[in-house]
Amino acid sequence: MIGLNHYLVISVLLFSLGLLGVLLRRNLLIVYMSLELMLNAANLALAAFSKYNQQLDGQILVFFIVTVAAAEVAVGLALMVALFRLRQTVRVDELNAMKL
């Protein structure tokens, strides 16, 4: 039987993988995907705790977080496309100045 510990272990692994992606990668798109992976790991932990406590509050909150994350992805990708058109790069270390 799958218990709370199994969900939390998977959540910690996903969060750690996302954190490594943010810290080690220099491509802005990969960093953004790693941030989304960290958000989904937190959602998994929240849903697991909600299921463990037999309350739907956490699962409803996860639904709203996923909805807001979908809008955030659209805005984030639009900003990345605009930045790429302006600078012709998506490498984080080359995007250190906010001026044109």
PDB file of N, CA and C in Angstrom:
ATOM      1  N   MET A   1       0.838  -1.178   0.000  1.00  0.00           N
ATOM      2  CA  MET A   1       0.000   0.000   0.000  1.00  0.00           C
ATOM      3  C   MET A   1       0.889   1.249   0.000  1.00  0.00           C
ATOM      4  N   ILE A   2       0.487   2.222  -0.782  1.00  0.00           N
ATOM      5  CA  ILE A   2       1.249   3.458  -0.889  1.00  0.00           C
ATOM      6  C   ILE A   2       0.798   4.407   0.210  1.00  0.00           C
ATOM      7  N   GLY A   3       1.741   4.837   1.031  1.00  0.00           N
ATOM      8  CA  GLY A   3       1.429   5.717   2.143  1.00  0.00           C
ATOM      9  C   GLY A   3       1.943   7.121   1.915  1.00  0.00           C
ATOM     10  N   LEU A   4       1.823   7.923   2.951  1.00  0.00           N
ATOM     11  CA  LEU A   4       2.248   9.316   2.889  1.00  0.00           C
ATOM     12  C   LEU A   4       3.751   9.427   2.637  1.00  0.00           C
ATOM     13  N   ASN A   5       4.524   8.538   3.223  1.00  0.00           N
ATOM     14  CA  ASN A   5       5.978   8.591   3.061  1.00  0.00           C
ATOM     15  C   ASN A   5       6.402   8.447   1.609  1.00  0.00           C
ATOM     16  N   HIS A   6       5.713   7.597   0.862  1.00  0.00           N
ATOM     17  CA  HIS A   6       6.054   7.408  -0.542  1.00  0.00           C
ATOM     18  C   HIS A   6       5.855   8.704  -1.339  1.00  0.00           C
ATOM     19  N   TYR A   7       4.725   9.354  -1.085  1.00  0.00           N
ATOM     20  CA  TYR A   7       4.450  10.615  -1.774  1.00  0.00           C
ATOM     21  C   TYR A   7       5.485  11.683  -1.406  1.00  0.00           C
ATOM     22  N   LEU A   8       5.840  11.733  -0.137  1.00  0.00           N
ATOM     23  CA  LEU A   8       6.790  12.752   0.299  1.00  0.00           C
ATOM     24  C   LEU A   8       8.195  12.490  -0.240  1.00  0.00           C
ATOM     25  N   VAL A   9       8.577  11.233  -0.352  1.00  0.00           N
ATOM     26  CA  VAL A   9       9.886  10.915  -0.932  1.00  0.00           C
ATOM     27  C   VAL A   9       9.934  11.344  -2.395  1.00  0.00           C
ATOM     28  N   ILE A  10       8.884  11.052  -3.140  1.00  0.00           N
ATOM     29  CA  ILE A  10       8.828  11.483  -4.547  1.00  0.00           C
ATOM     30  C   ILE A  10       8.834  12.999  -4.643  1.00  0.00           C
ATOM     31  N   SER A  11       8.107  13.655  -3.754  1.00  0.00           N
ATOM     32  CA  SER A  11       8.072  15.115  -3.744  1.00  0.00           C
ATOM     33  C   SER A  11       9.452  15.710  -3.463  1.00  0.00           C
ATOM     34  N   VAL A  12      10.161  15.152  -2.499  1.00  0.00           N
ATOM     35  CA  VAL A  12      11.505  15.647  -2.178  1.00  0.00           C
ATOM     36  C   VAL A  12      12.458  15.404  -3.345  1.00  0.00           C
ATOM     37  N   LEU A  13      12.344  14.246  -3.986  1.00  0.00           N
ATOM     38  CA  LEU A  13      13.205  13.959  -5.143  1.00  0.00           C
ATOM     39  C   LEU A  13      12.940  14.937  -6.292  1.00  0.00           C
ATOM     40  N   LEU A  14      11.673  15.196  -6.567  1.00  0.00           N
ATOM     41  CA  LEU A  14      11.335  16.144  -7.637  1.00  0.00           C
ATOM     42  C   LEU A  14      11.807  17.550  -7.303  1.00  0.00           C
ATOM     43  N   PHE A  15      11.616  17.956  -6.043  1.00  0.00           N
ATOM     44  CA  PHE A  15      12.055  19.286  -5.636  1.00  0.00           C
ATOM     45  C   PHE A  15      13.580  19.404  -5.733  1.00  0.00           C
ATOM     46  N   SER A  16      14.296  18.365  -5.311  1.00  0.00           N
ATOM     47  CA  SER A  16      15.763  18.379  -5.390  1.00  0.00           C
ATOM     48  C   SER A  16      16.241  18.428  -6.833  1.00  0.00           C
ATOM     49  N   LEU A  17      15.578  17.684  -7.700  1.00  0.00           N
ATOM     50  CA  LEU A  17      15.940  17.713  -9.112  1.00  0.00           C
ATOM     51  C   LEU A  17      15.707  19.100  -9.706  1.00  0.00           C
ATOM     52  N   GLY A  18      14.593  19.727  -9.334  1.00  0.00           N
ATOM     53  CA  GLY A  18      14.320  21.089  -9.792  1.00  0.00           C
ATOM     54  C   GLY A  18      15.326  22.087  -9.258  1.00  0.00           C
ATOM     55  N   LEU A  19      15.702  21.934  -7.995  1.00  0.00           N
ATOM     56  CA  LEU A  19      16.690  22.832  -7.393  1.00  0.00           C
ATOM     57  C   LEU A  19      18.046  22.687  -8.076  1.00  0.00           C
ATOM     58  N   LEU A  20      18.438  21.467  -8.378  1.00  0.00           N
ATOM     59  CA  LEU A  20      19.695  21.263  -9.101  1.00  0.00           C
ATOM     60  C   LEU A  20      19.641  21.897 -10.492  1.00  0.00           C
ATOM     61  N   GLY A  21      18.484  21.792 -11.146  1.00  0.00           N
ATOM     62  CA  GLY A  21      18.335  22.418 -12.454  1.00  0.00           C
ATOM     63  C   GLY A  21      18.453  23.930 -12.395  1.00  0.00           C
ATOM     64  N   VAL A  22      17.895  24.532 -11.345  1.00  0.00           N
ATOM     65  CA  VAL A  22      17.987  25.986 -11.195  1.00  0.00           C
ATOM     66  C   VAL A  22      19.424  26.415 -10.904  1.00  0.00           C
ATOM     67  N   LEU A  23      20.104  25.669 -10.062  1.00  0.00           N
ATOM     68  CA  LEU A  23      21.448  26.066  -9.644  1.00  0.00           C
ATOM     69  C   LEU A  23      22.521  25.771 -10.685  1.00  0.00           C
ATOM     70  N   LEU A  24      22.364  24.721 -11.456  1.00  0.00           N
ATOM     71  CA  LEU A  24      23.445  24.285 -12.338  1.00  0.00           C
ATOM     72  C   LEU A  24      23.278  24.678 -13.799  1.00  0.00           C
ATOM     73  N   ARG A  25      22.072  24.890 -14.248  1.00  0.00           N
ATOM     74  CA  ARG A  25      21.854  25.174 -15.665  1.00  0.00           C
ATOM     75  C   ARG A  25      21.947  26.659 -15.956  1.00  0.00           C
ATOM     76  N   ARG A  26      22.314  27.010 -17.162  1.00  0.00           N
ATOM     77  CA  ARG A  26      22.417  28.405 -17.563  1.00  0.00           C
ATOM     78  C   ARG A  26      21.415  28.783 -18.650  1.00  0.00           C
ATOM     79  N   ASN A  27      20.699  27.823 -19.188  1.00  0.00           N
ATOM     80  CA  ASN A  27      19.683  28.103 -20.184  1.00  0.00           C
ATOM     81  C   ASN A  27      18.411  28.553 -19.460  1.00  0.00           C
ATOM     82  N   LEU A  28      17.877  29.701 -19.839  1.00  0.00           N
ATOM     83  CA  LEU A  28      16.729  30.283 -19.152  1.00  0.00           C
ATOM     84  C   LEU A  28      15.508  29.377 -19.229  1.00  0.00           C
ATOM     85  N   LEU A  29      15.310  28.693 -20.332  1.00  0.00           N
ATOM     86  CA  LEU A  29      14.163  27.800 -20.475  1.00  0.00           C
ATOM     87  C   LEU A  29      14.279  26.600 -19.538  1.00  0.00           C
ATOM     88  N   ILE A  30      15.465  26.046 -19.395  1.00  0.00           N
ATOM     89  CA  ILE A  30      15.683  24.920 -18.484  1.00  0.00           C
ATOM     90  C   ILE A  30      15.490  25.372 -17.035  1.00  0.00           C
ATOM     91  N   VAL A  31      15.966  26.557 -16.704  1.00  0.00           N
ATOM     92  CA  VAL A  31      15.782  27.093 -15.351  1.00  0.00           C
ATOM     93  C   VAL A  31      14.291  27.272 -15.074  1.00  0.00           C
ATOM     94  N   TYR A  32      13.560  27.760 -16.032  1.00  0.00           N
ATOM     95  CA  TYR A  32      12.125  27.970 -15.872  1.00  0.00           C
ATOM     96  C   TYR A  32      11.398  26.643 -15.690  1.00  0.00           C
ATOM     97  N   MET A  33      11.780  25.636 -16.462  1.00  0.00           N
ATOM     98  CA  MET A  33      11.168  24.317 -16.312  1.00  0.00           C
ATOM     99  C   MET A  33      11.512  23.711 -14.953  1.00  0.00           C
ATOM    100  N   SER A  34      12.700  23.971 -14.468  1.00  0.00           N
ATOM    101  CA  SER A  34      13.093  23.471 -13.149  1.00  0.00           C
ATOM    102  C   SER A  34      12.277  24.140 -12.046  1.00  0.00           C
ATOM    103  N   LEU A  35      12.010  25.422 -12.201  1.00  0.00           N
ATOM    104  CA  LEU A  35      11.150  26.117 -11.233  1.00  0.00           C
ATOM    105  C   LEU A  35       9.742  25.527 -11.226  1.00  0.00           C
ATOM    106  N   GLU A  36       9.233  25.198 -12.389  1.00  0.00           N
ATOM    107  CA  GLU A  36       7.912  24.579 -12.471  1.00  0.00           C
ATOM    108  C   GLU A  36       7.924  23.189 -11.841  1.00  0.00           C
ATOM    109  N   LEU A  37       9.024  22.470 -11.980  1.00  0.00           N
ATOM    110  CA  LEU A  37       9.149  21.158 -11.349  1.00  0.00           C
ATOM    111  C   LEU A  37       9.132  21.286  -9.828  1.00  0.00           C
ATOM    112  N   MET A  38       9.778  22.321  -9.318  1.00  0.00           N
ATOM    113  CA  MET A  38       9.755  22.564  -7.876  1.00  0.00           C
ATOM    114  C   MET A  38       8.342  22.907  -7.399  1.00  0.00           C
ATOM    115  N   LEU A  39       7.613  23.687  -8.173  1.00  0.00           N
ATOM    116  CA  LEU A  39       6.235  24.027  -7.824  1.00  0.00           C
ATOM    117  C   LEU A  39       5.357  22.780  -7.820  1.00  0.00           C
ATOM    118  N   ASN A  40       5.548  21.903  -8.794  1.00  0.00           N
ATOM    119  CA  ASN A  40       4.758  20.677  -8.847  1.00  0.00           C
ATOM    120  C   ASN A  40       5.112  19.728  -7.709  1.00  0.00           C
ATOM    121  N   ALA A  41       6.359  19.733  -7.271  1.00  0.00           N
ATOM    122  CA  ALA A  41       6.740  18.914  -6.117  1.00  0.00           C
ATOM    123  C   ALA A  41       6.029  19.412  -4.860  1.00  0.00           C
ATOM    124  N   ALA A  42       5.952  20.711  -4.708  1.00  0.00           N
ATOM    125  CA  ALA A  42       5.221  21.268  -3.562  1.00  0.00           C
ATOM    126  C   ALA A  42       3.731  20.944  -3.650  1.00  0.00           C
ATOM    127  N   ASN A  43       3.177  20.969  -4.846  1.00  0.00           N
ATOM    128  CA  ASN A  43       1.773  20.600  -5.032  1.00  0.00           C
ATOM    129  C   ASN A  43       1.536  19.140  -4.673  1.00  0.00           C
ATOM    130  N   LEU A  44       2.463  18.269  -5.043  1.00  0.00           N
ATOM    131  CA  LEU A  44       2.335  16.858  -4.716  1.00  0.00           C
ATOM    132  C   LEU A  44       2.338  16.650  -3.202  1.00  0.00           C
ATOM    133  N   ALA A  45       3.224  17.330  -2.505  1.00  0.00           N
ATOM    134  CA  ALA A  45       3.263  17.217  -1.044  1.00  0.00           C
ATOM    135  C   ALA A  45       1.974  17.753  -0.422  1.00  0.00           C
ATOM    136  N   LEU A  46       1.474  18.871  -0.934  1.00  0.00           N
ATOM    137  CA  LEU A  46       0.234  19.440  -0.413  1.00  0.00           C
ATOM    138  C   LEU A  46      -0.945  18.499  -0.632  1.00  0.00           C
ATOM    139  N   ALA A  47      -1.028  17.895  -1.805  1.00  0.00           N
ATOM    140  CA  ALA A  47      -2.111  16.952  -2.085  1.00  0.00           C
ATOM    141  C   ALA A  47      -1.974  15.690  -1.238  1.00  0.00           C
ATOM    142  N   ALA A  48      -0.747  15.248  -1.003  1.00  0.00           N
ATOM    143  CA  ALA A  48      -0.537  14.056  -0.177  1.00  0.00           C
ATOM    144  C   ALA A  48      -0.961  14.315   1.265  1.00  0.00           C
ATOM    145  N   PHE A  49      -0.586  15.470   1.806  1.00  0.00           N
ATOM    146  CA  PHE A  49      -1.007  15.801   3.165  1.00  0.00           C
ATOM    147  C   PHE A  49      -2.521  15.941   3.250  1.00  0.00           C
ATOM    148  N   SER A  50      -3.121  16.483   2.215  1.00  0.00           N
ATOM    149  CA  SER A  50      -4.568  16.633   2.201  1.00  0.00           C
ATOM    150  C   SER A  50      -5.254  15.266   2.204  1.00  0.00           C
ATOM    151  N   LYS A  51      -4.733  14.349   1.407  1.00  0.00           N
ATOM    152  CA  LYS A  51      -5.302  12.994   1.367  1.00  0.00           C
ATOM    153  C   LYS A  51      -5.083  12.283   2.693  1.00  0.00           C
ATOM    154  N   TYR A  52      -3.931  12.474   3.293  1.00  0.00           N
ATOM    155  CA  TYR A  52      -3.611  11.828   4.560  1.00  0.00           C
ATOM    156  C   TYR A  52      -4.520  12.320   5.685  1.00  0.00           C
ATOM    157  N   ASN A  53      -4.855  13.606   5.681  1.00  0.00           N
ATOM    158  CA  ASN A  53      -5.720  14.182   6.715  1.00  0.00           C
ATOM    159  C   ASN A  53      -7.199  14.059   6.401  1.00  0.00           C
ATOM    160  N   GLN A  54      -7.547  13.448   5.264  1.00  0.00           N
ATOM    161  CA  GLN A  54      -8.938  13.238   4.849  1.00  0.00           C
ATOM    162  C   GLN A  54      -9.721  14.548   4.732  1.00  0.00           C
ATOM    163  N   GLN A  55      -9.069  15.598   4.216  1.00  0.00           N
ATOM    164  CA  GLN A  55      -9.735  16.870   3.977  1.00  0.00           C
ATOM    165  C   GLN A  55      -9.471  17.289   2.535  1.00  0.00           C
ATOM    166  N   LEU A  56     -10.436  17.932   1.940  1.00  0.00           N
ATOM    167  CA  LEU A  56     -10.303  18.346   0.547  1.00  0.00           C
ATOM    168  C   LEU A  56      -9.718  19.739   0.385  1.00  0.00           C
ATOM    169  N   ASP A  57      -9.445  20.434   1.457  1.00  0.00           N
ATOM    170  CA  ASP A  57      -8.946  21.804   1.367  1.00  0.00           C
ATOM    171  C   ASP A  57      -7.642  21.882   0.587  1.00  0.00           C
ATOM    172  N   GLY A  58      -6.707  21.003   0.875  1.00  0.00           N
ATOM    173  CA  GLY A  58      -5.417  21.011   0.189  1.00  0.00           C
ATOM    174  C   GLY A  58      -5.544  20.676  -1.281  1.00  0.00           C
ATOM    175  N   GLN A  59      -6.437  19.743  -1.599  1.00  0.00           N
ATOM    176  CA  GLN A  59      -6.610  19.367  -3.004  1.00  0.00           C
ATOM    177  C   GLN A  59      -7.269  20.485  -3.801  1.00  0.00           C
ATOM    178  N   ILE A  60      -8.162  21.211  -3.185  1.00  0.00           N
ATOM    179  CA  ILE A  60      -8.764  22.373  -3.848  1.00  0.00           C
ATOM    180  C   ILE A  60      -7.717  23.460  -4.057  1.00  0.00           C
ATOM    181  N   LEU A  61      -6.864  23.656  -3.067  1.00  0.00           N
ATOM    182  CA  LEU A  61      -5.790  24.630  -3.191  1.00  0.00           C
ATOM    183  C   LEU A  61      -4.825  24.244  -4.311  1.00  0.00           C
ATOM    184  N   VAL A  62      -4.534  22.955  -4.446  1.00  0.00           N
ATOM    185  CA  VAL A  62      -3.677  22.483  -5.538  1.00  0.00           C
ATOM    186  C   VAL A  62      -4.313  22.799  -6.885  1.00  0.00           C
ATOM    187  N   PHE A  63      -5.614  22.624  -6.995  1.00  0.00           N
ATOM    188  CA  PHE A  63      -6.307  22.937  -8.245  1.00  0.00           C
ATOM    189  C   PHE A  63      -6.125  24.408  -8.620  1.00  0.00           C
ATOM    190  N   PHE A  64      -6.267  25.303  -7.653  1.00  0.00           N
ATOM    191  CA  PHE A  64      -6.093  26.728  -7.924  1.00  0.00           C
ATOM    192  C   PHE A  64      -4.634  27.063  -8.234  1.00  0.00           C
ATOM    193  N   ILE A  65      -3.697  26.405  -7.564  1.00  0.00           N
ATOM    194  CA  ILE A  65      -2.279  26.641  -7.840  1.00  0.00           C
ATOM    195  C   ILE A  65      -1.928  26.221  -9.256  1.00  0.00           C
ATOM    196  N   VAL A  66      -2.446  25.089  -9.705  1.00  0.00           N
ATOM    197  CA  VAL A  66      -2.184  24.624 -11.066  1.00  0.00           C
ATOM    198  C   VAL A  66      -2.791  25.588 -12.080  1.00  0.00           C
ATOM    199  N   THR A  67      -3.961  26.128 -11.775  1.00  0.00           N
ATOM    200  CA  THR A  67      -4.595  27.094 -12.675  1.00  0.00           C
ATOM    201  C   THR A  67      -3.763  28.363 -12.794  1.00  0.00           C
ATOM    202  N   VAL A  68      -3.291  28.877 -11.676  1.00  0.00           N
ATOM    203  CA  VAL A  68      -2.457  30.077 -11.698  1.00  0.00           C
ATOM    204  C   VAL A  68      -1.112  29.778 -12.369  1.00  0.00           C
ATOM    205  N   ALA A  69      -0.580  28.582 -12.163  1.00  0.00           N
ATOM    206  CA  ALA A  69       0.695  28.205 -12.782  1.00  0.00           C
ATOM    207  C   ALA A  69       0.575  28.154 -14.305  1.00  0.00           C
ATOM    208  N   ALA A  70      -0.580  27.753 -14.812  1.00  0.00           N
ATOM    209  CA  ALA A  70      -0.776  27.726 -16.262  1.00  0.00           C
ATOM    210  C   ALA A  70      -0.713  29.142 -16.840  1.00  0.00           C
ATOM    211  N   ALA A  71      -1.317  30.092 -16.157  1.00  0.00           N
ATOM    212  CA  ALA A  71      -1.242  31.485 -16.606  1.00  0.00           C
ATOM    213  C   ALA A  71       0.182  32.012 -16.471  1.00  0.00           C
ATOM    214  N   GLU A  72       0.870  31.608 -15.410  1.00  0.00           N
ATOM    215  CA  GLU A  72       2.253  32.035 -15.202  1.00  0.00           C
ATOM    216  C   GLU A  72       3.168  31.503 -16.298  1.00  0.00           C
ATOM    217  N   VAL A  73       2.926  30.293 -16.733  1.00  0.00           N
ATOM    218  CA  VAL A  73       3.728  29.722 -17.820  1.00  0.00           C
ATOM    219  C   VAL A  73       3.537  30.526 -19.101  1.00  0.00           C
ATOM    220  N   ALA A  74       2.318  30.906 -19.402  1.00  0.00           N
ATOM    221  CA  ALA A  74       2.062  31.687 -20.611  1.00  0.00           C
ATOM    222  C   ALA A  74       2.779  33.032 -20.558  1.00  0.00           C
ATOM    223  N   VAL A  75       2.708  33.708 -19.432  1.00  0.00           N
ATOM    224  CA  VAL A  75       3.375  35.005 -19.293  1.00  0.00           C
ATOM    225  C   VAL A  75       4.887  34.833 -19.314  1.00  0.00           C
ATOM    226  N   GLY A  76       5.398  33.837 -18.609  1.00  0.00           N
ATOM    227  CA  GLY A  76       6.845  33.599 -18.567  1.00  0.00           C
ATOM    228  C   GLY A  76       7.427  33.267 -19.923  1.00  0.00           C
ATOM    229  N   LEU A  77       6.741  32.423 -20.677  1.00  0.00           N
ATOM    230  CA  LEU A  77       7.235  32.088 -22.011  1.00  0.00           C
ATOM    231  C   LEU A  77       7.161  33.285 -22.953  1.00  0.00           C
ATOM    232  N   ALA A  78       6.132  34.108 -22.808  1.00  0.00           N
ATOM    233  CA  ALA A  78       6.051  35.322 -23.629  1.00  0.00           C
ATOM    234  C   ALA A  78       7.208  36.268 -23.313  1.00  0.00           C
ATOM    235  N   LEU A  79       7.551  36.395 -22.033  1.00  0.00           N
ATOM    236  CA  LEU A  79       8.695  37.225 -21.662  1.00  0.00           C
ATOM    237  C   LEU A  79      10.001  36.655 -22.204  1.00  0.00           C
ATOM    238  N   MET A  80      10.143  35.340 -22.179  1.00  0.00           N
ATOM    239  CA  MET A  80      11.360  34.727 -22.716  1.00  0.00           C
ATOM    240  C   MET A  80      11.482  34.935 -24.219  1.00  0.00           C
ATOM    241  N   VAL A  81      10.375  34.834 -24.932  1.00  0.00           N
ATOM    242  CA  VAL A  81      10.408  35.060 -26.384  1.00  0.00           C
ATOM    243  C   VAL A  81      10.781  36.506 -26.675  1.00  0.00           C
ATOM    244  N   ALA A  82      10.209  37.450 -25.928  1.00  0.00           N
ATOM    245  CA  ALA A  82      10.547  38.856 -26.120  1.00  0.00           C
ATOM    246  C   ALA A  82      12.014  39.124 -25.793  1.00  0.00           C
ATOM    247  N   LEU A  83      12.509  38.505 -24.744  1.00  0.00           N
ATOM    248  CA  LEU A  83      13.907  38.659 -24.365  1.00  0.00           C
ATOM    249  C   LEU A  83      14.837  38.065 -25.412  1.00  0.00           C
ATOM    250  N   PHE A  84      14.454  36.923 -25.967  1.00  0.00           N
ATOM    251  CA  PHE A  84      15.269  36.312 -27.011  1.00  0.00           C
ATOM    252  C   PHE A  84      15.295  37.184 -28.268  1.00  0.00           C
ATOM    253  N   ARG A  85      14.162  37.761 -28.615  1.00  0.00           N
ATOM    254  CA  ARG A  85      14.138  38.635 -29.785  1.00  0.00           C
ATOM    255  C   ARG A  85      14.999  39.873 -29.582  1.00  0.00           C
ATOM    256  N   LEU A  86      15.063  40.353 -28.349  1.00  0.00           N
ATOM    257  CA  LEU A  86      15.842  41.545 -28.051  1.00  0.00           C
ATOM    258  C   LEU A  86      17.336  41.247 -27.967  1.00  0.00           C
ATOM    259  N   ARG A  87      17.707  40.185 -27.301  1.00  0.00           N
ATOM    260  CA  ARG A  87      19.115  39.882 -27.018  1.00  0.00           C
ATOM    261  C   ARG A  87      19.712  38.753 -27.852  1.00  0.00           C
ATOM    262  N   GLN A  88      18.893  37.951 -28.497  1.00  0.00           N
ATOM    263  CA  GLN A  88      19.341  36.812 -29.310  1.00  0.00           C
ATOM    264  C   GLN A  88      20.049  35.741 -28.480  1.00  0.00           C
ATOM    265  N   THR A  89      19.695  35.617 -27.206  1.00  0.00           N
ATOM    266  CA  THR A  89      20.257  34.576 -26.353  1.00  0.00           C
ATOM    267  C   THR A  89      19.284  34.265 -25.229  1.00  0.00           C
ATOM    268  N   VAL A  90      19.385  33.039 -24.702  1.00  0.00           N
ATOM    269  CA  VAL A  90      18.593  32.663 -23.533  1.00  0.00           C
ATOM    270  C   VAL A  90      19.500  32.161 -22.412  1.00  0.00           C
ATOM    271  N   ARG A  91      20.777  32.463 -22.509  1.00  0.00           N
ATOM    272  CA  ARG A  91      21.714  32.066 -21.459  1.00  0.00           C
ATOM    273  C   ARG A  91      21.640  33.061 -20.304  1.00  0.00           C
ATOM    274  N   VAL A  92      21.508  32.547 -19.105  1.00  0.00           N
ATOM    275  CA  VAL A  92      21.313  33.377 -17.924  1.00  0.00           C
ATOM    276  C   VAL A  92      22.532  34.245 -17.654  1.00  0.00           C
ATOM    277  N   ASP A  93      23.726  33.713 -17.841  1.00  0.00           N
ATOM    278  CA  ASP A  93      24.933  34.482 -17.532  1.00  0.00           C
ATOM    279  C   ASP A  93      25.168  35.631 -18.500  1.00  0.00           C
ATOM    280  N   GLU A  94      24.541  35.617 -19.660  1.00  0.00           N
ATOM    281  CA  GLU A  94      24.650  36.711 -20.618  1.00  0.00           C
ATOM    282  C   GLU A  94      23.534  37.748 -20.446  1.00  0.00           C
ATOM    283  N   LEU A  95      22.580  37.474 -19.590  1.00  0.00           N
ATOM    284  CA  LEU A  95      21.452  38.374 -19.372  1.00  0.00           C
ATOM    285  C   LEU A  95      21.575  39.052 -18.014  1.00  0.00           C
ATOM    286  N   ASN A  96      22.746  39.568 -17.700  1.00  0.00           N
ATOM    287  CA  ASN A  96      22.972  40.114 -16.381  1.00  0.00           C
ATOM    288  C   ASN A  96      22.592  41.575 -16.240  1.00  0.00           C
ATOM    289  N   ALA A  97      22.352  42.271 -17.309  1.00  0.00           N
ATOM    290  CA  ALA A  97      21.985  43.688 -17.238  1.00  0.00           C
ATOM    291  C   ALA A  97      20.554  43.875 -17.720  1.00  0.00           C
ATOM    292  N   MET A  98      19.834  44.756 -17.056  1.00  0.00           N
ATOM    293  CA  MET A  98      18.447  45.009 -17.438  1.00  0.00           C
ATOM    294  C   MET A  98      18.333  46.124 -18.473  1.00  0.00           C
ATOM    295  N   LYS A  99      19.435  46.750 -18.823  1.00  0.00           N
ATOM    296  CA  LYS A  99      19.379  47.814 -19.818  1.00  0.00           C
ATOM    297  C   LYS A  99      19.442  47.229 -21.225  1.00  0.00           C
ATOM    298  N   LEU A 100      19.102  48.027 -22.205  1.00  0.00           N
ATOM    299  CA  LEU A 100      19.118  47.575 -23.595  1.00  0.00           C
ATOM    300  C   LEU A 100      20.533  47.622 -24.063  1.00  0.00           C
TER     301      LEU A 100
END
